[in-house]
Amino acid sequence: MNKRELIARVQRYMGVGSTRETATAAVNAVLSSIAAASHEEKLQLKNFGSFYLKEKPARKGHHPLTGDPLSIPACRELAFHSALKLEEH
């Protein structure tokens, strides 16, 4: 499922009278809120999962086209760990 399909599904759940624009605004608001909150602290949604920042150390890699070695700097990325109830489905 991509974002466009998610917006269409949210619009169906919102019911009669909802527009694509309102569904898009709702999806964007939720995604932005998750991203902002998880940068401050761990965000836990009961029966769904947790969003948190994961530290990735610097590492060696290679250029995919030339094969030349390169170093990849350390970074932080948004990670998700699903709840057990979500994993059972």
C-alpha atoms as a PDB file:
ATOM      1  CA  MET A   1       0.000   0.000   0.000  1.00  0.00           C
ATOM      2  CA  ASN A   2       1.306   3.453  -0.820  1.00  0.00           C
ATOM      3  CA  LYS A   3       0.301   6.847   0.571  1.00  0.00           C
ATOM      4  CA  ARG A   4      -2.317   7.453  -2.138  1.00  0.00           C
ATOM      5  CA  GLU A   5      -4.028   4.147  -1.307  1.00  0.00           C
ATOM      6  CA  LEU A   6      -3.871   4.931   2.415  1.00  0.00           C
ATOM      7  CA  ILE A   7      -5.549   8.296   1.800  1.00  0.00           C
ATOM      8  CA  ALA A   8      -8.309   6.584  -0.207  1.00  0.00           C
ATOM      9  CA  ARG A   9      -8.861   4.076   2.601  1.00  0.00           C
ATOM     10  CA  VAL A  10      -8.977   6.833   5.234  1.00  0.00           C
ATOM     11  CA  GLN A  11     -11.499   8.716   3.099  1.00  0.00           C
ATOM     12  CA  ARG A  12     -13.726   5.614   2.979  1.00  0.00           C
ATOM     13  CA  TYR A  13     -13.494   5.229   6.780  1.00  0.00           C
ATOM     14  CA  MET A  14     -14.382   8.892   7.263  1.00  0.00           C
ATOM     15  CA  GLY A  15     -17.678   8.240   5.511  1.00  0.00           C
ATOM     16  CA  VAL A  16     -20.069  10.118   3.291  1.00  0.00           C
ATOM     17  CA  GLY A  17     -19.246  13.769   2.783  1.00  0.00           C
ATOM     18  CA  SER A  18     -15.521  13.405   3.310  1.00  0.00           C
ATOM     19  CA  THR A  19     -13.286  14.680   0.552  1.00  0.00           C
ATOM     20  CA  ARG A  20      -9.894  13.580  -0.635  1.00  0.00           C
ATOM     21  CA  GLU A  21      -8.473  16.839   0.690  1.00  0.00           C
ATOM     22  CA  THR A  22      -9.738  16.203   4.237  1.00  0.00           C
ATOM     23  CA  ALA A  23      -8.428  12.635   4.161  1.00  0.00           C
ATOM     24  CA  THR A  24      -5.064  13.869   2.848  1.00  0.00           C
ATOM     25  CA  ALA A  25      -4.909  16.477   5.611  1.00  0.00           C
ATOM     26  CA  ALA A  26      -5.727  13.825   8.239  1.00  0.00           C
ATOM     27  CA  VAL A  27      -3.042  11.413   6.999  1.00  0.00           C
ATOM     28  CA  ASN A  28      -0.445  14.186   6.730  1.00  0.00           C
ATOM     29  CA  ALA A  29      -1.278  15.427  10.225  1.00  0.00           C
ATOM     30  CA  VAL A  30      -0.871  11.968  11.747  1.00  0.00           C
ATOM     31  CA  LEU A  31       2.391  11.241   9.920  1.00  0.00           C
ATOM     32  CA  SER A  32       3.853  14.639  10.810  1.00  0.00           C
ATOM     33  CA  SER A  33       2.831  14.226  14.441  1.00  0.00           C
ATOM     34  CA  ILE A  34       4.441  10.781  14.635  1.00  0.00           C
ATOM     35  CA  ALA A  35       7.679  12.068  13.100  1.00  0.00           C
ATOM     36  CA  ALA A  36       7.826  15.118  15.389  1.00  0.00           C
ATOM     37  CA  ALA A  37       6.967  13.217  18.571  1.00  0.00           C
ATOM     38  CA  SER A  38       9.398  10.381  17.900  1.00  0.00           C
ATOM     39  CA  HIS A  39      12.281  12.838  17.490  1.00  0.00           C
ATOM     40  CA  GLU A  40      11.645  14.073  21.022  1.00  0.00           C
ATOM     41  CA  GLU A  41      11.041  10.739  22.752  1.00  0.00           C
ATOM     42  CA  LYS A  42       9.786   7.215  22.174  1.00  0.00           C
ATOM     43  CA  LEU A  43       6.194   7.225  20.925  1.00  0.00           C
ATOM     44  CA  GLN A  44       4.151   4.226  22.067  1.00  0.00           C
ATOM     45  CA  LEU A  45       0.710   3.474  20.644  1.00  0.00           C
ATOM     46  CA  LYS A  46      -1.028   0.764  22.651  1.00  0.00           C
ATOM     47  CA  ASN A  47      -1.855  -2.374  20.612  1.00  0.00           C
ATOM     48  CA  PHE A  48      -0.072  -0.904  17.580  1.00  0.00           C
ATOM     49  CA  GLY A  49       3.623  -0.384  18.284  1.00  0.00           C
ATOM     50  CA  SER A  50       6.420   2.036  19.115  1.00  0.00           C
ATOM     51  CA  PHE A  51       8.251   4.625  17.035  1.00  0.00           C
ATOM     52  CA  TYR A  52      11.727   5.637  18.181  1.00  0.00           C
ATOM     53  CA  LEU A  53      15.040   7.015  16.923  1.00  0.00           C
ATOM     54  CA  LYS A  54      17.680   4.384  16.291  1.00  0.00           C
ATOM     55  CA  GLU A  55      21.381   5.246  16.301  1.00  0.00           C
ATOM     56  CA  LYS A  56      23.305   3.687  13.416  1.00  0.00           C
ATOM     57  CA  PRO A  57      27.107   3.640  13.735  1.00  0.00           C
ATOM     58  CA  ALA A  58      29.478   4.690  10.970  1.00  0.00           C
ATOM     59  CA  ARG A  59      30.397   1.808   8.668  1.00  0.00           C
ATOM     60  CA  LYS A  60      32.283   0.900   5.516  1.00  0.00           C
ATOM     61  CA  GLY A  61      30.369   0.406   2.270  1.00  0.00           C
ATOM     62  CA  HIS A  62      30.910   0.398  -1.459  1.00  0.00           C
ATOM     63  CA  HIS A  63      29.593   2.396  -4.382  1.00  0.00           C
ATOM     64  CA  PRO A  64      26.919   0.238  -6.079  1.00  0.00           C
ATOM     65  CA  LEU A  65      28.002   1.112  -9.622  1.00  0.00           C
ATOM     66  CA  THR A  66      31.788   1.278  -9.376  1.00  0.00           C
ATOM     67  CA  GLY A  67      32.433  -0.921  -6.341  1.00  0.00           C
ATOM     68  CA  ASP A  68      34.762   1.729  -4.887  1.00  0.00           C
ATOM     69  CA  PRO A  69      34.958   1.643  -1.071  1.00  0.00           C
ATOM     70  CA  LEU A  70      33.412   4.500   0.864  1.00  0.00           C
ATOM     71  CA  SER A  71      32.604   5.283   4.450  1.00  0.00           C
ATOM     72  CA  ILE A  72      29.010   5.816   5.498  1.00  0.00           C
ATOM     73  CA  PRO A  73      28.676   8.285   8.398  1.00  0.00           C
ATOM     74  CA  ALA A  74      26.792   7.581  11.604  1.00  0.00           C
ATOM     75  CA  CYS A  75      23.159   8.660  11.564  1.00  0.00           C
ATOM     76  CA  ARG A  76      19.847   8.425  13.356  1.00  0.00           C
ATOM     77  CA  GLU A  77      16.772   6.936  11.703  1.00  0.00           C
ATOM     78  CA  LEU A  78      13.155   6.490  12.649  1.00  0.00           C
ATOM     79  CA  ALA A  79      12.414   2.882  13.604  1.00  0.00           C
ATOM     80  CA  PHE A  80       9.201   1.024  14.386  1.00  0.00           C
ATOM     81  CA  HIS A  81       8.620  -1.994  16.590  1.00  0.00           C
ATOM     82  CA  SER A  82       5.177  -3.543  16.269  1.00  0.00           C
ATOM     83  CA  ALA A  83       3.056  -4.618  19.214  1.00  0.00           C
ATOM     84  CA  LEU A  84       2.500  -8.307  19.814  1.00  0.00           C
ATOM     85  CA  LYS A  85      -1.222  -8.016  18.985  1.00  0.00           C
ATOM     86  CA  LEU A  86      -0.345  -6.479  15.612  1.00  0.00           C
ATOM     87  CA  GLU A  87       2.144  -9.282  14.866  1.00  0.00           C
ATOM     88  CA  GLU A  88      -0.498 -11.969  15.500  1.00  0.00           C
ATOM     89  CA  HIS A  89      -2.667 -10.844  12.554  1.00  0.00           C
END
